[in-house]
Amino acid sequence: MDDLSLFFRFGAALVIGIFVGMQREFADNKEENRELAMGVRTLALMGLLGCTGAFLGDLIGSPWPLVTIILILGAFIGTNHFIEASRGEAGLTTESSGILTILAGALAYWDQLTLAVALGVATAALLSFKPELHRFAKQLTREDVYATLKLAVITAIVLPVLPHKSFGPPPFDVLNPFKIWLLVVFISGISFVGYLLIKITGARKGIGLTGLLGGLASSTAVTLSFTQRSKDASALARPFALAITVAWTVMFARVAIEVAALNIELAKVIVLPLVIPVAAGLGYCVVLFRSQRTDETGEVNFSNPFELGPAITFGLIFTVILVISRAAQVYMGDVGIYLSSVIAGLADVDAIALSVAELSRKPGGIGMETAARSILLAAVANTALKGSIVLVSGAPALRRAIAPGFVLMLLSGLLVAFFI
């Protein structure tokens, strides 16, 4: 190893230690009458000591230099923890960050710079997000924890043993248990991200933000919730319309992400057409935002998207739509695909989008243009259903506020679907 590479690795270890140490300095300075246990200098030295231990071990061909450094520093950290515990300060956060900084320094020497930097950034982020993480943990319910654990266990245990092959002649040749369950986990994961963000930020951070995060979790839930609330708070019609329109716009973007994860070639075909309704939705969101600003909002109830029941239901819907779409392709050609996409899109745009993306990957399957048009028609049908819910059930003020945006997104979606 040349000197430049060696100094670069030690420099990376130093920067990681300084980065984590600066966070500790900032956090401790916010707490009055708290003596600083590990600050920027101490943690910077720990990063260098980890790198030095790995370097010495490499020179003599033994792990003991690094092990000795870890043991000595571990003894100091343990003693400091014992002293703090005797004062009623029994936390291990700073001590754990010190050990991780040592290990990150060692990784930097072993040319695992990407992992070392990621470890340092993750450590600083976890330390910085203490209030948000504690608030999130307090907001969790027993049902949230159980539902998440159930799907995690079932996924970790069941998914690896599911057969990774298709069964039966067409149209049943699309039934691959492993792929079907993997896509169930994937779509639930996207919804779960939105659910977590709502739990962390709270629905009262602004109606527009609620629509954005709610669009990741369930644009239908946002539509139903604010449509219902508009009857009791007609003065908030425009903010409610903003949240609903944002959720619809996010739905179109979410479809593009889902398709890209499964079929990147199809995503390249569909991304530009999807930009048109997304741009239309964003444009009308700007109009609504400028017309009335408010931070007042009601809570939107989202069920945990990792509940076992809804996950299995989505899997069944996805399987049925997959078979129907395949049968429509075999027996009715492109017209059958379009018809099944519109009907399925009324119920669940995610299921039909993933089904068509899967079918277009197979040799002799759906053509790219047909697949792209089918997904667009499904998204438009889904938007039409949600818009109809607002126009039928919403307060008059909400109907007037959302109608122009609804018509704009619907027409733009239909336009690109038929001229793709």
Protein backbone atom coordinates (compact mmCIF):
# COMPACT_ATOMS: atom_id res chain seq x y z
CA MET A 1 0.00 0.00 0.00
CA ASP A 2 1.41 3.41 -0.95
CA ASP A 3 1.55 6.31 1.49
CA LEU A 4 -1.28 8.23 -0.23
CA SER A 5 -3.71 5.34 0.13
CA LEU A 6 -2.64 4.76 3.75
CA PHE A 7 -3.10 8.42 4.71
CA PHE A 8 -6.44 8.52 2.91
CA ARG A 9 -7.76 5.61 5.00
CA PHE A 10 -6.55 7.15 8.25
CA GLY A 11 -8.11 10.45 7.15
CA ALA A 12 -11.43 8.72 6.52
CA ALA A 13 -11.32 7.19 10.00
CA LEU A 14 -10.59 10.61 11.47
CA VAL A 15 -13.46 12.27 9.60
CA ILE A 16 -15.92 9.57 10.70
CA GLY A 17 -14.90 10.08 14.33
CA ILE A 18 -15.21 13.86 14.05
CA PHE A 19 -18.63 13.52 12.40
CA VAL A 20 -20.02 11.31 15.16
CA GLY A 21 -18.28 13.41 17.83
CA MET A 22 -19.81 16.64 16.56
CA GLN A 23 -23.25 15.12 16.93
CA ARG A 24 -22.46 14.10 20.52
CA GLU A 25 -21.16 17.59 21.31
CA PHE A 26 -24.31 19.14 19.89
CA ALA A 27 -26.61 16.76 21.77
CA ASP A 28 -24.81 17.09 25.10
CA ASN A 29 -24.62 20.88 24.89
CA LYS A 30 -28.41 20.94 24.65
CA GLU A 31 -28.72 19.17 28.00
CA GLU A 32 -27.93 21.49 30.90
CA ASN A 33 -25.66 20.40 33.74
CA ARG A 34 -24.53 17.30 31.84
CA GLU A 35 -20.84 16.51 31.79
CA LEU A 36 -19.57 15.57 28.34
CA ALA A 37 -18.43 11.93 28.33
CA MET A 38 -17.31 11.58 24.71
CA GLY A 39 -16.97 14.58 22.48
CA VAL A 40 -15.52 15.35 19.10
CA ARG A 41 -11.89 14.87 20.18
CA THR A 42 -12.46 11.59 22.00
CA LEU A 43 -14.47 10.02 19.20
CA ALA A 44 -12.03 11.29 16.56
CA LEU A 45 -9.22 9.57 18.50
CA MET A 46 -11.31 6.40 18.72
CA GLY A 47 -11.67 6.35 14.94
CA LEU A 48 -7.90 6.73 14.59
CA LEU A 49 -7.25 4.05 17.21
CA GLY A 50 -9.48 1.60 15.32
CA CYS A 51 -7.62 2.31 12.10
CA THR A 52 -4.24 2.07 13.87
CA GLY A 53 -5.14 -1.27 15.47
CA ALA A 54 -6.10 -2.70 12.08
CA PHE A 55 -2.88 -1.31 10.57
CA LEU A 56 -0.64 -2.81 13.29
CA GLY A 57 -2.47 -6.12 13.03
CA ASP A 58 -1.79 -6.13 9.30
CA LEU A 59 1.90 -5.42 9.88
CA ILE A 60 2.46 -8.31 12.29
CA GLY A 61 -0.18 -10.62 10.84
CA SER A 62 -2.21 -10.84 14.05
CA PRO A 63 -5.60 -9.51 15.18
CA TRP A 64 -4.34 -8.85 18.71
CA PRO A 65 -3.38 -5.16 18.31
CA LEU A 66 -6.97 -4.28 17.37
CA VAL A 67 -8.40 -6.65 19.97
CA THR A 68 -6.17 -5.12 22.66
CA ILE A 69 -7.23 -1.58 21.73
CA ILE A 70 -10.89 -2.59 21.84
CA LEU A 71 -10.44 -4.30 25.23
CA ILE A 72 -8.61 -1.33 26.78
CA LEU A 73 -11.08 1.23 25.46
CA GLY A 74 -13.92 -1.11 26.40
CA ALA A 75 -12.64 -1.14 29.98
CA PHE A 76 -12.56 2.67 30.06
CA ILE A 77 -16.05 2.83 28.54
CA GLY A 78 -17.33 0.26 31.03
CA THR A 79 -15.85 2.21 33.96
CA ASN A 80 -17.40 5.43 32.71
CA HIS A 81 -20.75 3.69 32.33
CA PHE A 82 -20.53 2.35 35.89
CA ILE A 83 -19.88 5.87 37.20
CA GLU A 84 -22.78 7.32 35.21
CA ALA A 85 -25.07 4.49 36.33
CA SER A 86 -24.29 5.31 39.95
CA ARG A 87 -25.57 8.83 39.23
CA GLY A 88 -28.77 7.49 37.70
CA GLU A 89 -27.59 7.95 34.10
CA ALA A 90 -27.59 4.39 32.82
CA GLY A 91 -27.78 4.98 29.07
CA LEU A 92 -25.43 3.16 26.69
CA THR A 93 -25.97 5.36 23.63
CA THR A 94 -22.71 7.30 23.75
CA GLU A 95 -20.72 4.22 24.74
CA SER A 96 -22.16 2.25 21.83
CA SER A 97 -21.36 5.06 19.41
CA GLY A 98 -17.75 4.99 20.65
CA ILE A 99 -17.40 1.27 19.95
CA LEU A 100 -18.97 1.67 16.52
CA THR A 101 -16.52 4.50 15.75
CA ILE A 102 -13.58 2.22 16.60
CA LEU A 103 -14.93 -0.48 14.31
CA ALA A 104 -15.60 2.06 11.54
CA GLY A 105 -11.98 3.16 11.80
CA ALA A 106 -10.84 -0.44 11.39
CA LEU A 107 -13.11 -0.89 8.39
CA ALA A 108 -11.63 2.25 6.83
CA TYR A 109 -8.15 0.70 6.99
CA TRP A 110 -9.42 -2.57 5.50
CA ASP A 111 -10.54 -0.60 2.42
CA GLN A 112 -14.21 -0.96 3.32
CA LEU A 113 -14.65 2.79 3.03
CA THR A 114 -18.24 2.69 1.77
CA LEU A 115 -19.32 0.53 4.70
CA ALA A 116 -17.27 2.56 7.18
CA VAL A 117 -18.78 5.86 6.06
CA ALA A 118 -22.27 4.36 5.99
CA LEU A 119 -21.75 3.07 9.54
CA GLY A 120 -20.65 6.51 10.71
CA VAL A 121 -23.54 8.28 9.03
CA ALA A 122 -26.06 5.74 10.35
CA THR A 123 -24.65 6.15 13.88
CA ALA A 124 -24.91 9.95 13.73
CA ALA A 125 -28.40 9.76 12.25
CA LEU A 126 -29.68 7.43 14.96
CA LEU A 127 -28.20 9.70 17.61
CA SER A 128 -29.75 12.79 16.03
CA PHE A 129 -33.21 11.33 15.60
CA LYS A 130 -33.64 10.53 19.28
CA PRO A 131 -36.77 12.70 19.83
CA GLU A 132 -38.47 11.48 16.66
CA LEU A 133 -37.67 7.82 17.34
CA HIS A 134 -38.89 8.05 20.94
CA ARG A 135 -42.07 9.80 19.82
CA PHE A 136 -42.60 7.17 17.13
CA ALA A 137 -42.12 4.33 19.63
CA LYS A 138 -44.68 5.89 21.98
CA GLN A 139 -47.20 6.18 19.14
CA LEU A 140 -46.94 2.50 18.24
CA THR A 141 -49.79 0.29 19.32
CA ARG A 142 -49.63 -3.36 20.30
CA GLU A 143 -51.43 -4.16 17.04
CA ASP A 144 -48.72 -2.34 15.05
CA VAL A 145 -45.97 -4.38 16.66
CA TYR A 146 -47.79 -7.70 16.34
CA ALA A 147 -48.81 -7.08 12.73
CA THR A 148 -45.26 -6.14 11.71
CA LEU A 149 -43.73 -9.11 13.51
CA LYS A 150 -46.25 -11.53 12.03
CA LEU A 151 -45.52 -10.52 8.45
CA ALA A 152 -41.77 -10.36 9.13
CA VAL A 153 -41.80 -13.90 10.53
CA ILE A 154 -44.01 -15.27 7.77
CA THR A 155 -41.90 -13.58 5.10
CA ALA A 156 -38.58 -14.73 6.55
CA ILE A 157 -39.77 -18.30 7.05
CA VAL A 158 -42.25 -18.88 4.23
CA LEU A 159 -40.72 -16.92 1.33
CA PRO A 160 -37.44 -18.93 1.10
CA VAL A 161 -39.30 -22.26 0.93
CA LEU A 162 -41.94 -21.26 -1.64
CA PRO A 163 -41.41 -22.95 -5.03
CA HIS A 164 -39.78 -20.61 -7.52
CA LYS A 165 -41.45 -22.01 -10.64
CA SER A 166 -44.66 -21.73 -12.63
CA PHE A 167 -47.50 -24.27 -12.62
CA GLY A 168 -49.95 -25.40 -15.28
CA PRO A 169 -50.62 -24.46 -18.92
CA PRO A 170 -51.67 -20.97 -20.03
CA PRO A 171 -53.19 -18.92 -18.47
CA PHE A 172 -52.02 -20.62 -15.26
CA ASP A 173 -48.37 -20.53 -16.30
CA VAL A 174 -48.10 -17.15 -14.55
CA LEU A 175 -48.62 -18.66 -11.10
CA ASN A 176 -45.23 -18.55 -9.41
CA PRO A 177 -45.73 -18.68 -5.60
CA PHE A 178 -42.33 -17.18 -4.81
CA LYS A 179 -42.77 -14.18 -7.13
CA ILE A 180 -46.35 -13.58 -6.01
CA TRP A 181 -45.43 -13.45 -2.33
CA LEU A 182 -42.30 -11.39 -3.02
CA LEU A 183 -44.42 -8.74 -4.75
CA VAL A 184 -46.87 -8.78 -1.83
CA VAL A 185 -43.96 -7.97 0.48
CA PHE A 186 -42.70 -5.28 -1.90
CA ILE A 187 -46.00 -3.43 -2.21
CA SER A 188 -46.60 -3.71 1.53
CA GLY A 189 -43.13 -2.26 2.08
CA ILE A 190 -43.94 0.83 0.03
CA SER A 191 -47.15 1.34 1.99
CA PHE A 192 -45.27 0.75 5.23
CA VAL A 193 -42.84 3.58 4.44
CA GLY A 194 -45.74 6.00 4.16
CA TYR A 195 -47.30 4.60 7.31
CA LEU A 196 -44.05 5.04 9.27
CA LEU A 197 -43.61 8.62 8.06
CA ILE A 198 -47.16 9.47 9.12
CA LYS A 199 -46.50 7.91 12.53
CA ILE A 200 -43.27 9.91 12.92
CA THR A 201 -44.48 13.30 11.67
CA GLY A 202 -48.12 13.04 12.67
CA ALA A 203 -51.05 13.94 10.46
CA ARG A 204 -51.20 17.44 11.93
CA LYS A 205 -48.00 18.61 10.23
CA GLY A 206 -50.10 20.05 7.41
CA ILE A 207 -52.79 18.85 5.11
CA GLY A 208 -50.51 18.82 2.06
CA LEU A 209 -47.91 16.71 3.87
CA THR A 210 -50.64 14.35 4.99
CA GLY A 211 -51.71 13.92 1.37
CA LEU A 212 -48.11 13.28 0.30
CA LEU A 213 -47.41 10.63 2.93
CA GLY A 214 -50.93 9.25 2.71
CA GLY A 215 -50.46 8.74 -1.03
CA LEU A 216 -47.64 6.33 -0.21
CA ALA A 217 -49.79 4.46 2.28
CA SER A 218 -53.23 4.65 0.62
CA SER A 219 -54.55 7.40 -1.64
CA THR A 220 -58.01 5.86 -1.24
CA ALA A 221 -57.82 6.30 2.54
CA VAL A 222 -56.90 9.97 2.10
CA THR A 223 -59.81 10.45 -0.33
CA LEU A 224 -62.37 8.79 1.92
CA SER A 225 -61.16 10.51 5.09
CA PHE A 226 -61.10 14.09 3.81
CA THR A 227 -64.28 13.62 1.80
CA GLN A 228 -66.05 12.60 4.99
CA ARG A 229 -64.53 15.46 7.00
CA SER A 230 -65.52 18.03 4.38
CA LYS A 231 -69.15 17.63 5.45
CA ASP A 232 -68.31 18.93 8.95
CA ALA A 233 -65.62 21.47 7.96
CA SER A 234 -66.64 22.97 4.64
CA ALA A 235 -64.39 25.99 5.28
CA LEU A 236 -61.39 23.69 4.78
CA ALA A 237 -62.58 22.51 1.37
CA ARG A 238 -59.54 23.80 -0.51
CA PRO A 239 -56.97 22.34 1.93
CA PHE A 240 -58.84 19.04 1.80
CA ALA A 241 -58.84 19.19 -2.01
CA LEU A 242 -55.09 19.84 -1.86
CA ALA A 243 -54.46 16.73 0.26
CA ILE A 244 -56.59 14.55 -1.99
CA THR A 245 -54.99 15.83 -5.20
CA VAL A 246 -51.50 15.35 -3.76
CA ALA A 247 -52.38 11.76 -2.82
CA TRP A 248 -53.66 11.06 -6.35
CA THR A 249 -50.49 12.52 -7.84
CA VAL A 250 -48.29 10.41 -5.57
CA MET A 251 -50.26 7.34 -6.66
CA PHE A 252 -49.17 7.86 -10.29
CA ALA A 253 -45.54 8.29 -9.20
CA ARG A 254 -45.77 5.21 -6.96
CA VAL A 255 -46.94 3.11 -9.91
CA ALA A 256 -43.83 4.12 -11.86
CA ILE A 257 -41.59 3.03 -8.96
CA GLU A 258 -43.37 -0.31 -8.64
CA VAL A 259 -43.06 -1.04 -12.35
CA ALA A 260 -39.38 -0.04 -12.37
CA ALA A 261 -38.63 -2.48 -9.54
CA LEU A 262 -40.10 -5.34 -11.58
CA ASN A 263 -39.50 -4.43 -15.21
CA ILE A 264 -37.06 -1.61 -15.91
CA GLU A 265 -37.63 -1.76 -19.69
CA LEU A 266 -41.35 -1.19 -19.23
CA ALA A 267 -40.60 1.61 -16.78
CA LYS A 268 -38.59 3.40 -19.48
CA VAL A 269 -41.65 3.29 -21.75
CA ILE A 270 -44.15 4.40 -19.12
CA VAL A 271 -42.24 7.05 -17.19
CA LEU A 272 -42.71 9.87 -19.70
CA PRO A 273 -46.46 9.28 -20.17
CA LEU A 274 -46.89 9.18 -16.39
CA VAL A 275 -45.14 12.54 -16.10
CA ILE A 276 -48.12 14.22 -17.86
CA PRO A 277 -50.83 13.43 -15.26
CA VAL A 278 -48.29 13.94 -12.48
CA ALA A 279 -47.45 17.40 -13.84
CA ALA A 280 -51.16 18.18 -14.17
CA GLY A 281 -51.76 17.15 -10.57
CA LEU A 282 -48.78 19.11 -9.26
CA GLY A 283 -49.85 22.19 -11.21
CA TYR A 284 -53.30 22.15 -9.68
CA CYS A 285 -51.78 21.50 -6.24
CA VAL A 286 -49.85 24.75 -6.61
CA VAL A 287 -53.07 26.57 -7.46
CA LEU A 288 -54.81 25.16 -4.39
CA PHE A 289 -51.82 25.84 -2.15
CA ARG A 290 -51.63 29.49 -3.15
CA SER A 291 -55.35 30.02 -2.79
CA GLN A 292 -55.43 29.06 0.89
CA ARG A 293 -52.77 28.03 3.37
CA THR A 294 -53.56 26.36 6.65
CA ASP A 295 -51.92 23.99 9.13
CA GLU A 296 -55.23 22.78 10.47
CA THR A 297 -56.13 19.19 9.67
CA GLY A 298 -57.81 16.18 11.16
CA GLU A 299 -56.26 12.84 11.83
CA VAL A 300 -56.42 10.35 8.97
CA ASN A 301 -56.75 6.76 10.09
CA PHE A 302 -54.40 4.35 8.32
CA SER A 303 -54.36 0.70 9.27
CA ASN A 304 -50.96 -0.95 9.52
CA PRO A 305 -50.17 -2.08 5.95
CA PHE A 306 -48.29 -5.07 7.36
CA GLU A 307 -51.44 -6.60 8.79
CA LEU A 308 -51.52 -10.24 7.74
CA GLY A 309 -55.14 -10.14 6.55
CA PRO A 310 -54.75 -7.25 4.07
CA ALA A 311 -51.43 -8.69 2.86
CA ILE A 312 -53.00 -12.05 2.06
CA THR A 313 -55.99 -10.29 0.49
CA PHE A 314 -53.67 -8.31 -1.77
CA GLY A 315 -51.88 -11.53 -2.70
CA LEU A 316 -55.16 -13.19 -3.67
CA ILE A 317 -56.29 -10.13 -5.65
CA PHE A 318 -52.92 -9.96 -7.38
CA THR A 319 -53.07 -13.68 -8.25
CA VAL A 320 -56.61 -13.46 -9.63
CA ILE A 321 -55.79 -10.36 -11.69
CA LEU A 322 -52.61 -12.01 -12.96
CA VAL A 323 -54.55 -15.04 -14.21
CA ILE A 324 -57.38 -12.92 -15.67
CA SER A 325 -54.90 -10.67 -17.47
CA ARG A 326 -53.06 -13.67 -18.86
CA ALA A 327 -56.34 -15.27 -19.96
CA ALA A 328 -57.44 -12.00 -21.57
CA GLN A 329 -54.16 -11.88 -23.47
CA VAL A 330 -54.46 -15.50 -24.63
CA TYR A 331 -58.12 -15.45 -25.66
CA MET A 332 -58.94 -11.81 -26.43
CA GLY A 333 -55.65 -10.15 -27.34
CA ASP A 334 -54.91 -6.51 -26.52
CA VAL A 335 -58.58 -5.57 -26.13
CA GLY A 336 -58.93 -8.10 -23.34
CA ILE A 337 -55.87 -6.71 -21.59
CA TYR A 338 -57.25 -3.17 -21.70
CA LEU A 339 -60.65 -4.27 -20.46
CA SER A 340 -59.23 -6.27 -17.55
CA SER A 341 -56.92 -3.37 -16.64
CA VAL A 342 -59.79 -0.89 -16.40
CA ILE A 343 -61.91 -3.25 -14.30
CA ALA A 344 -59.01 -4.25 -12.03
CA GLY A 345 -57.85 -0.64 -11.70
CA LEU A 346 -61.15 0.27 -10.09
CA ALA A 347 -60.25 -2.03 -7.20
CA ASP A 348 -56.46 -1.90 -6.93
CA VAL A 349 -54.08 -0.17 -9.30
CA ASP A 350 -50.99 -1.71 -7.65
CA ALA A 351 -52.10 -5.28 -8.35
CA ILE A 352 -52.83 -4.72 -12.03
CA ALA A 353 -49.67 -2.65 -12.55
CA LEU A 354 -47.49 -5.40 -11.09
CA SER A 355 -49.42 -8.10 -12.99
CA VAL A 356 -48.94 -6.40 -16.35
CA ALA A 357 -45.29 -5.65 -15.58
CA GLU A 358 -44.74 -9.34 -14.81
CA LEU A 359 -46.55 -10.51 -17.97
CA SER A 360 -44.55 -8.14 -20.19
CA ARG A 361 -41.30 -9.70 -19.00
CA LYS A 362 -42.11 -13.15 -20.37
CA PRO A 363 -41.11 -14.23 -23.89
CA GLY A 364 -44.18 -13.92 -26.09
CA GLY A 365 -45.96 -11.93 -23.39
CA ILE A 366 -47.61 -8.54 -23.53
CA GLY A 367 -45.92 -5.97 -25.76
CA MET A 368 -44.36 -2.94 -24.11
CA GLU A 369 -46.80 -0.42 -25.61
CA THR A 370 -49.80 -2.58 -24.70
CA ALA A 371 -48.48 -3.03 -21.15
CA ALA A 372 -47.81 0.69 -20.73
CA ARG A 373 -51.27 1.62 -22.02
CA SER A 374 -52.89 -0.97 -19.73
CA ILE A 375 -51.18 0.45 -16.65
CA LEU A 376 -52.16 3.99 -17.58
CA LEU A 377 -55.78 2.95 -18.10
CA ALA A 378 -55.78 1.21 -14.71
CA ALA A 379 -54.39 4.33 -13.01
CA VAL A 380 -56.94 6.53 -14.77
CA ALA A 381 -59.78 4.17 -13.79
CA ASN A 382 -58.61 4.23 -10.18
CA THR A 383 -58.49 8.04 -10.22
CA ALA A 384 -61.94 8.16 -11.82
CA LEU A 385 -63.37 6.02 -9.01
CA LYS A 386 -61.83 8.17 -6.27
CA GLY A 387 -62.93 11.36 -8.02
CA SER A 388 -66.45 9.99 -8.25
CA ILE A 389 -66.40 9.31 -4.52
CA VAL A 390 -65.56 12.96 -3.87
CA LEU A 391 -68.13 14.30 -6.34
CA VAL A 392 -70.88 12.09 -4.94
CA SER A 393 -70.10 12.12 -1.20
CA GLY A 394 -68.14 15.31 -0.59
CA ALA A 395 -69.43 18.67 0.55
CA PRO A 396 -70.41 21.09 -2.25
CA ALA A 397 -67.39 23.30 -1.50
CA LEU A 398 -65.02 20.31 -1.79
CA ARG A 399 -66.63 19.22 -5.06
CA ARG A 400 -66.15 22.69 -6.53
CA ALA A 401 -62.55 22.88 -5.32
CA ILE A 402 -61.43 19.50 -6.61
CA ALA A 403 -63.41 19.23 -9.86
CA PRO A 404 -60.95 21.18 -12.10
CA GLY A 405 -57.96 19.16 -10.89
CA PHE A 406 -59.86 15.89 -11.18
CA VAL A 407 -60.92 16.62 -14.77
CA LEU A 408 -57.38 17.80 -15.65
CA MET A 409 -55.71 14.63 -14.32
CA LEU A 410 -58.34 12.37 -15.84
CA LEU A 411 -58.13 13.92 -19.31
CA SER A 412 -54.33 14.07 -19.29
CA GLY A 413 -54.16 10.40 -18.25
CA LEU A 414 -56.59 9.34 -20.98
CA LEU A 415 -54.73 11.46 -23.53
CA VAL A 416 -51.36 9.83 -22.94
CA ALA A 417 -52.98 6.37 -22.64
CA PHE A 418 -54.45 6.52 -26.14
CA PHE A 419 -51.55 8.31 -27.82
CA ILE A 420 -48.67 6.42 -26.21
